[in-house]
Amino acid sequence: MTTVVKCPTCSRPVEWTAESRWRPFCSERCKLIDLGQWAEGRYTVPCEPADPRADSENGQDFTH
């Protein structure tokens, strides 16, 4: 049985197979739309703010 997922961009069904070239997207167009969303900063990955003291405490100095 083939797994079917929804395209993250347009929600069309996409078969998860080696032949599905753009998976999980249904097409190159949907893939590029999604990439553009990331590039414009519309999608983000939540994370904790970096502690600038952490690197210097570990003996690493990235100030120069």
PDB file of N, CA and C in Angstrom:
ATOM      1  N   MET A   1       0.846  -1.186   0.000  1.00  0.00           N
ATOM      2  CA  MET A   1       0.000   0.000   0.000  1.00  0.00           C
ATOM      3  C   MET A   1       0.888   1.245   0.000  1.00  0.00           C
ATOM      4  N   THR A   2       0.615   2.160  -0.872  1.00  0.00           N
ATOM      5  CA  THR A   2       1.377   3.392  -0.996  1.00  0.00           C
ATOM      6  C   THR A   2       0.858   4.436  -0.010  1.00  0.00           C
ATOM      7  N   THR A   3       1.798   5.114   0.643  1.00  0.00           N
ATOM      8  CA  THR A   3       1.427   6.189   1.550  1.00  0.00           C
ATOM      9  C   THR A   3       1.092   7.429   0.739  1.00  0.00           C
ATOM     10  N   VAL A   4       0.024   8.092   1.104  1.00  0.00           N
ATOM     11  CA  VAL A   4      -0.396   9.324   0.447  1.00  0.00           C
ATOM     12  C   VAL A   4      -0.381  10.435   1.488  1.00  0.00           C
ATOM     13  N   VAL A   5       0.289  11.552   1.145  1.00  0.00           N
ATOM     14  CA  VAL A   5       0.350  12.714   2.042  1.00  0.00           C
ATOM     15  C   VAL A   5      -0.251  13.905   1.317  1.00  0.00           C
ATOM     16  N   LYS A   6      -0.561  14.942   2.065  1.00  0.00           N
ATOM     17  CA  LYS A   6      -1.064  16.175   1.454  1.00  0.00           C
ATOM     18  C   LYS A   6       0.106  17.090   1.140  1.00  0.00           C
ATOM     19  N   CYS A   7       0.080  17.715  -0.018  1.00  0.00           N
ATOM     20  CA  CYS A   7       1.080  18.713  -0.378  1.00  0.00           C
ATOM     21  C   CYS A   7       1.004  19.838   0.657  1.00  0.00           C
ATOM     22  N   PRO A   8       2.145  20.218   1.279  1.00  0.00           N
ATOM     23  CA  PRO A   8       2.117  21.264   2.294  1.00  0.00           C
ATOM     24  C   PRO A   8       1.655  22.625   1.769  1.00  0.00           C
ATOM     25  N   THR A   9       1.740  22.834   0.466  1.00  0.00           N
ATOM     26  CA  THR A   9       1.376  24.124  -0.106  1.00  0.00           C
ATOM     27  C   THR A   9      -0.088  24.186  -0.533  1.00  0.00           C
ATOM     28  N   CYS A  10      -0.546  23.174  -1.287  1.00  0.00           N
ATOM     29  CA  CYS A  10      -1.901  23.250  -1.849  1.00  0.00           C
ATOM     30  C   CYS A  10      -2.842  22.158  -1.357  1.00  0.00           C
ATOM     31  N   SER A  11      -2.346  21.236  -0.560  1.00  0.00           N
ATOM     32  CA  SER A  11      -3.123  20.131   0.031  1.00  0.00           C
ATOM     33  C   SER A  11      -3.563  19.058  -0.951  1.00  0.00           C
ATOM     34  N   ARG A  12      -3.036  19.056  -2.168  1.00  0.00           N
ATOM     35  CA  ARG A  12      -3.348  17.963  -3.096  1.00  0.00           C
ATOM     36  C   ARG A  12      -2.714  16.675  -2.582  1.00  0.00           C
ATOM     37  N   PRO A  13      -3.318  15.527  -2.873  1.00  0.00           N
ATOM     38  CA  PRO A  13      -2.717  14.261  -2.451  1.00  0.00           C
ATOM     39  C   PRO A  13      -1.441  13.963  -3.248  1.00  0.00           C
ATOM     40  N   VAL A  14      -0.408  13.469  -2.545  1.00  0.00           N
ATOM     41  CA  VAL A  14       0.868  13.134  -3.170  1.00  0.00           C
ATOM     42  C   VAL A  14       1.250  11.732  -2.714  1.00  0.00           C
ATOM     43  N   GLU A  15       1.525  10.841  -3.666  1.00  0.00           N
ATOM     44  CA  GLU A  15       1.984   9.504  -3.313  1.00  0.00           C
ATOM     45  C   GLU A  15       3.439   9.591  -2.872  1.00  0.00           C
ATOM     46  N   TRP A  16       3.765   8.952  -1.746  1.00  0.00           N
ATOM     47  CA  TRP A  16       5.124   8.968  -1.211  1.00  0.00           C
ATOM     48  C   TRP A  16       5.879   7.787  -1.817  1.00  0.00           C
ATOM     49  N   THR A  17       6.379   7.995  -3.044  1.00  0.00           N
ATOM     50  CA  THR A  17       7.130   6.960  -3.752  1.00  0.00           C
ATOM     51  C   THR A  17       8.373   7.580  -4.366  1.00  0.00           C
ATOM     52  N   ALA A  18       9.294   6.736  -4.803  1.00  0.00           N
ATOM     53  CA  ALA A  18      10.518   7.213  -5.448  1.00  0.00           C
ATOM     54  C   ALA A  18      10.201   7.984  -6.726  1.00  0.00           C
ATOM     55  N   GLU A  19       9.095   7.671  -7.357  1.00  0.00           N
ATOM     56  CA  GLU A  19       8.705   8.344  -8.595  1.00  0.00           C
ATOM     57  C   GLU A  19       8.127   9.739  -8.356  1.00  0.00           C
ATOM     58  N   SER A  20       7.739  10.027  -7.136  1.00  0.00           N
ATOM     59  CA  SER A  20       7.186  11.347  -6.800  1.00  0.00           C
ATOM     60  C   SER A  20       8.352  12.314  -6.606  1.00  0.00           C
ATOM     61  N   ARG A  21       8.773  12.915  -7.677  1.00  0.00           N
ATOM     62  CA  ARG A  21       9.995  13.715  -7.718  1.00  0.00           C
ATOM     63  C   ARG A  21      10.014  14.867  -6.716  1.00  0.00           C
ATOM     64  N   TRP A  22       8.886  15.503  -6.473  1.00  0.00           N
ATOM     65  CA  TRP A  22       8.860  16.705  -5.634  1.00  0.00           C
ATOM     66  C   TRP A  22       8.342  16.447  -4.230  1.00  0.00           C
ATOM     67  N   ARG A  23       8.160  15.183  -3.842  1.00  0.00           N
ATOM     68  CA  ARG A  23       7.576  14.874  -2.538  1.00  0.00           C
ATOM     69  C   ARG A  23       8.291  15.600  -1.419  1.00  0.00           C
ATOM     70  N   PRO A  24       7.633  16.129  -0.449  1.00  0.00           N
ATOM     71  CA  PRO A  24       6.210  15.970  -0.155  1.00  0.00           C
ATOM     72  C   PRO A  24       5.325  16.923  -0.946  1.00  0.00           C
ATOM     73  N   PHE A  25       5.895  17.678  -1.868  1.00  0.00           N
ATOM     74  CA  PHE A  25       5.106  18.618  -2.672  1.00  0.00           C
ATOM     75  C   PHE A  25       4.573  17.909  -3.909  1.00  0.00           C
ATOM     76  N   CYS A  26       3.516  18.457  -4.490  1.00  0.00           N
ATOM     77  CA  CYS A  26       2.927  17.844  -5.677  1.00  0.00           C
ATOM     78  C   CYS A  26       3.641  18.292  -6.952  1.00  0.00           C
ATOM     79  N   SER A  27       4.372  19.412  -6.878  1.00  0.00           N
ATOM     80  CA  SER A  27       5.022  19.935  -8.079  1.00  0.00           C
ATOM     81  C   SER A  27       6.190  20.835  -7.698  1.00  0.00           C
ATOM     82  N   GLU A  28       7.002  21.152  -8.682  1.00  0.00           N
ATOM     83  CA  GLU A  28       8.101  22.082  -8.447  1.00  0.00           C
ATOM     84  C   GLU A  28       7.558  23.451  -8.043  1.00  0.00           C
ATOM     85  N   ARG A  29       6.441  23.844  -8.625  1.00  0.00           N
ATOM     86  CA  ARG A  29       5.830  25.134  -8.295  1.00  0.00           C
ATOM     87  C   ARG A  29       5.529  25.226  -6.799  1.00  0.00           C
ATOM     88  N   CYS A  30       4.885  24.198  -6.237  1.00  0.00           N
ATOM     89  CA  CYS A  30       4.565  24.211  -4.809  1.00  0.00           C
ATOM     90  C   CYS A  30       5.834  24.196  -3.963  1.00  0.00           C
ATOM     91  N   LYS A  31       6.852  23.472  -4.409  1.00  0.00           N
ATOM     92  CA  LYS A  31       8.118  23.447  -3.689  1.00  0.00           C
ATOM     93  C   LYS A  31       8.743  24.839  -3.640  1.00  0.00           C
ATOM     94  N   LEU A  32       8.733  25.537  -4.764  1.00  0.00           N
ATOM     95  CA  LEU A  32       9.323  26.872  -4.824  1.00  0.00           C
ATOM     96  C   LEU A  32       8.507  27.898  -4.039  1.00  0.00           C
ATOM     97  N   ILE A  33       7.204  27.746  -4.020  1.00  0.00           N
ATOM     98  CA  ILE A  33       6.364  28.628  -3.194  1.00  0.00           C
ATOM     99  C   ILE A  33       6.763  28.469  -1.733  1.00  0.00           C
ATOM    100  N   ASP A  34       6.914  27.228  -1.279  1.00  0.00           N
ATOM    101  CA  ASP A  34       7.299  26.966   0.101  1.00  0.00           C
ATOM    102  C   ASP A  34       8.691  27.531   0.397  1.00  0.00           C
ATOM    103  N   LEU A  35       9.635  27.341  -0.497  1.00  0.00           N
ATOM    104  CA  LEU A  35      10.983  27.879  -0.316  1.00  0.00           C
ATOM    105  C   LEU A  35      10.943  29.400  -0.207  1.00  0.00           C
ATOM    106  N   GLY A  36      10.129  30.040  -1.027  1.00  0.00           N
ATOM    107  CA  GLY A  36       9.981  31.493  -0.973  1.00  0.00           C
ATOM    108  C   GLY A  36       9.422  31.963   0.365  1.00  0.00           C
ATOM    109  N   GLN A  37       8.508  31.186   0.942  1.00  0.00           N
ATOM    110  CA  GLN A  37       7.961  31.529   2.255  1.00  0.00           C
ATOM    111  C   GLN A  37       9.064  31.529   3.313  1.00  0.00           C
ATOM    112  N   TRP A  38       9.933  30.521   3.267  1.00  0.00           N
ATOM    113  CA  TRP A  38      11.064  30.466   4.202  1.00  0.00           C
ATOM    114  C   TRP A  38      12.001  31.646   3.974  1.00  0.00           C
ATOM    115  N   ALA A  39      12.312  31.935   2.701  1.00  0.00           N
ATOM    116  CA  ALA A  39      13.253  33.011   2.370  1.00  0.00           C
ATOM    117  C   ALA A  39      12.737  34.373   2.825  1.00  0.00           C
ATOM    118  N   GLU A  40      11.424  34.570   2.788  1.00  0.00           N
ATOM    119  CA  GLU A  40      10.835  35.841   3.213  1.00  0.00           C
ATOM    120  C   GLU A  40      10.664  35.934   4.721  1.00  0.00           C
ATOM    121  N   GLY A  41      10.984  34.860   5.443  1.00  0.00           N
ATOM    122  CA  GLY A  41      10.865  34.872   6.890  1.00  0.00           C
ATOM    123  C   GLY A  41       9.461  34.632   7.397  1.00  0.00           C
ATOM    124  N   ARG A  42       8.587  34.128   6.536  1.00  0.00           N
ATOM    125  CA  ARG A  42       7.207  33.858   6.967  1.00  0.00           C
ATOM    126  C   ARG A  42       7.114  32.602   7.818  1.00  0.00           C
ATOM    127  N   TYR A  43       8.069  31.694   7.646  1.00  0.00           N
ATOM    128  CA  TYR A  43       8.145  30.508   8.486  1.00  0.00           C
ATOM    129  C   TYR A  43       9.361  30.669   9.383  1.00  0.00           C
ATOM    130  N   THR A  44       9.236  30.235  10.606  1.00  0.00           N
ATOM    131  CA  THR A  44      10.370  30.265  11.532  1.00  0.00           C
ATOM    132  C   THR A  44      10.371  28.996  12.361  1.00  0.00           C
ATOM    133  N   VAL A  45      11.512  28.684  12.902  1.00  0.00           N
ATOM    134  CA  VAL A  45      11.651  27.569  13.816  1.00  0.00           C
ATOM    135  C   VAL A  45      11.886  28.162  15.193  1.00  0.00           C
ATOM    136  N   PRO A  46      10.992  27.910  16.143  1.00  0.00           N
ATOM    137  CA  PRO A  46      11.168  28.506  17.467  1.00  0.00           C
ATOM    138  C   PRO A  46      12.400  27.934  18.165  1.00  0.00           C
ATOM    139  N   CYS A  47      13.096  28.797  18.877  1.00  0.00           N
ATOM    140  CA  CYS A  47      14.264  28.359  19.635  1.00  0.00           C
ATOM    141  C   CYS A  47      14.520  29.344  20.765  1.00  0.00           C
ATOM    142  N   GLU A  48      15.336  28.930  21.678  1.00  0.00           N
ATOM    143  CA  GLU A  48      15.726  29.790  22.780  1.00  0.00           C
ATOM    144  C   GLU A  48      16.785  30.770  22.286  1.00  0.00           C
ATOM    145  N   PRO A  49      16.778  32.012  22.750  1.00  0.00           N
ATOM    146  CA  PRO A  49      17.819  32.948  22.358  1.00  0.00           C
ATOM    147  C   PRO A  49      19.184  32.432  22.812  1.00  0.00           C
ATOM    148  N   ALA A  50      20.177  32.640  21.974  1.00  0.00           N
ATOM    149  CA  ALA A  50      21.528  32.194  22.297  1.00  0.00           C
ATOM    150  C   ALA A  50      22.102  33.047  23.421  1.00  0.00           C
ATOM    151  N   ASP A  51      22.818  32.414  24.316  1.00  0.00           N
ATOM    152  CA  ASP A  51      23.496  33.117  25.393  1.00  0.00           C
ATOM    153  C   ASP A  51      24.911  33.429  24.907  1.00  0.00           C
ATOM    154  N   PRO A  52      25.229  34.695  24.629  1.00  0.00           N
ATOM    155  CA  PRO A  52      26.548  35.029  24.078  1.00  0.00           C
ATOM    156  C   PRO A  52      27.688  34.668  25.025  1.00  0.00           C
ATOM    157  N   ARG A  53      27.402  34.524  26.304  1.00  0.00           N
ATOM    158  CA  ARG A  53      28.452  34.157  27.263  1.00  0.00           C
ATOM    159  C   ARG A  53      28.813  32.687  27.166  1.00  0.00           C
ATOM    160  N   ALA A  54      27.934  31.863  26.646  1.00  0.00           N
ATOM    161  CA  ALA A  54      28.161  30.418  26.624  1.00  0.00           C
ATOM    162  C   ALA A  54      29.415  30.049  25.841  1.00  0.00           C
ATOM    163  N   ASP A  55      29.642  30.663  24.690  1.00  0.00           N
ATOM    164  CA  ASP A  55      30.809  30.325  23.882  1.00  0.00           C
ATOM    165  C   ASP A  55      32.103  30.744  24.563  1.00  0.00           C
ATOM    166  N   SER A  56      32.141  31.913  25.174  1.00  0.00           N
ATOM    167  CA  SER A  56      33.365  32.365  25.828  1.00  0.00           C
ATOM    168  C   SER A  56      33.657  31.528  27.067  1.00  0.00           C
ATOM    169  N   GLU A  57      32.624  31.006  27.731  1.00  0.00           N
ATOM    170  CA  GLU A  57      32.829  30.151  28.892  1.00  0.00           C
ATOM    171  C   GLU A  57      33.423  28.815  28.502  1.00  0.00           C
ATOM    172  N   ASN A  58      33.184  28.387  27.256  1.00  0.00           N
ATOM    173  CA  ASN A  58      33.721  27.118  26.765  1.00  0.00           C
ATOM    174  C   ASN A  58      35.083  27.282  26.111  1.00  0.00           C
ATOM    175  N   GLY A  59      35.663  28.456  26.249  1.00  0.00           N
ATOM    176  CA  GLY A  59      36.971  28.702  25.661  1.00  0.00           C
ATOM    177  C   GLY A  59      36.940  29.074  24.200  1.00  0.00           C
ATOM    178  N   GLN A  60      35.773  29.320  23.663  1.00  0.00           N
ATOM    179  CA  GLN A  60      35.656  29.692  22.258  1.00  0.00           C
ATOM    180  C   GLN A  60      35.308  31.166  22.174  1.00  0.00           C
ATOM    181  N   ASP A  61      36.073  31.873  21.373  1.00  0.00           N
ATOM    182  CA  ASP A  61      35.846  33.310  21.217  1.00  0.00           C
ATOM    183  C   ASP A  61      35.503  33.599  19.769  1.00  0.00           C
ATOM    184  N   PHE A  62      34.266  33.976  19.512  1.00  0.00           N
ATOM    185  CA  PHE A  62      33.814  34.265  18.158  1.00  0.00           C
ATOM    186  C   PHE A  62      33.632  35.764  17.931  1.00  0.00           C
ATOM    187  N   THR A  63      34.309  36.596  18.697  1.00  0.00           N
ATOM    188  CA  THR A  63      34.111  38.036  18.592  1.00  0.00           C
ATOM    189  C   THR A  63      34.923  38.661  17.470  1.00  0.00           C
ATOM    190  N   HIS A  64      35.860  37.936  16.903  1.00  0.00           N
ATOM    191  CA  HIS A  64      36.666  38.509  15.811  1.00  0.00           C
ATOM    192  C   HIS A  64      36.689  37.654  14.599  1.00  0.00           C
TER     193      HIS A  64
END
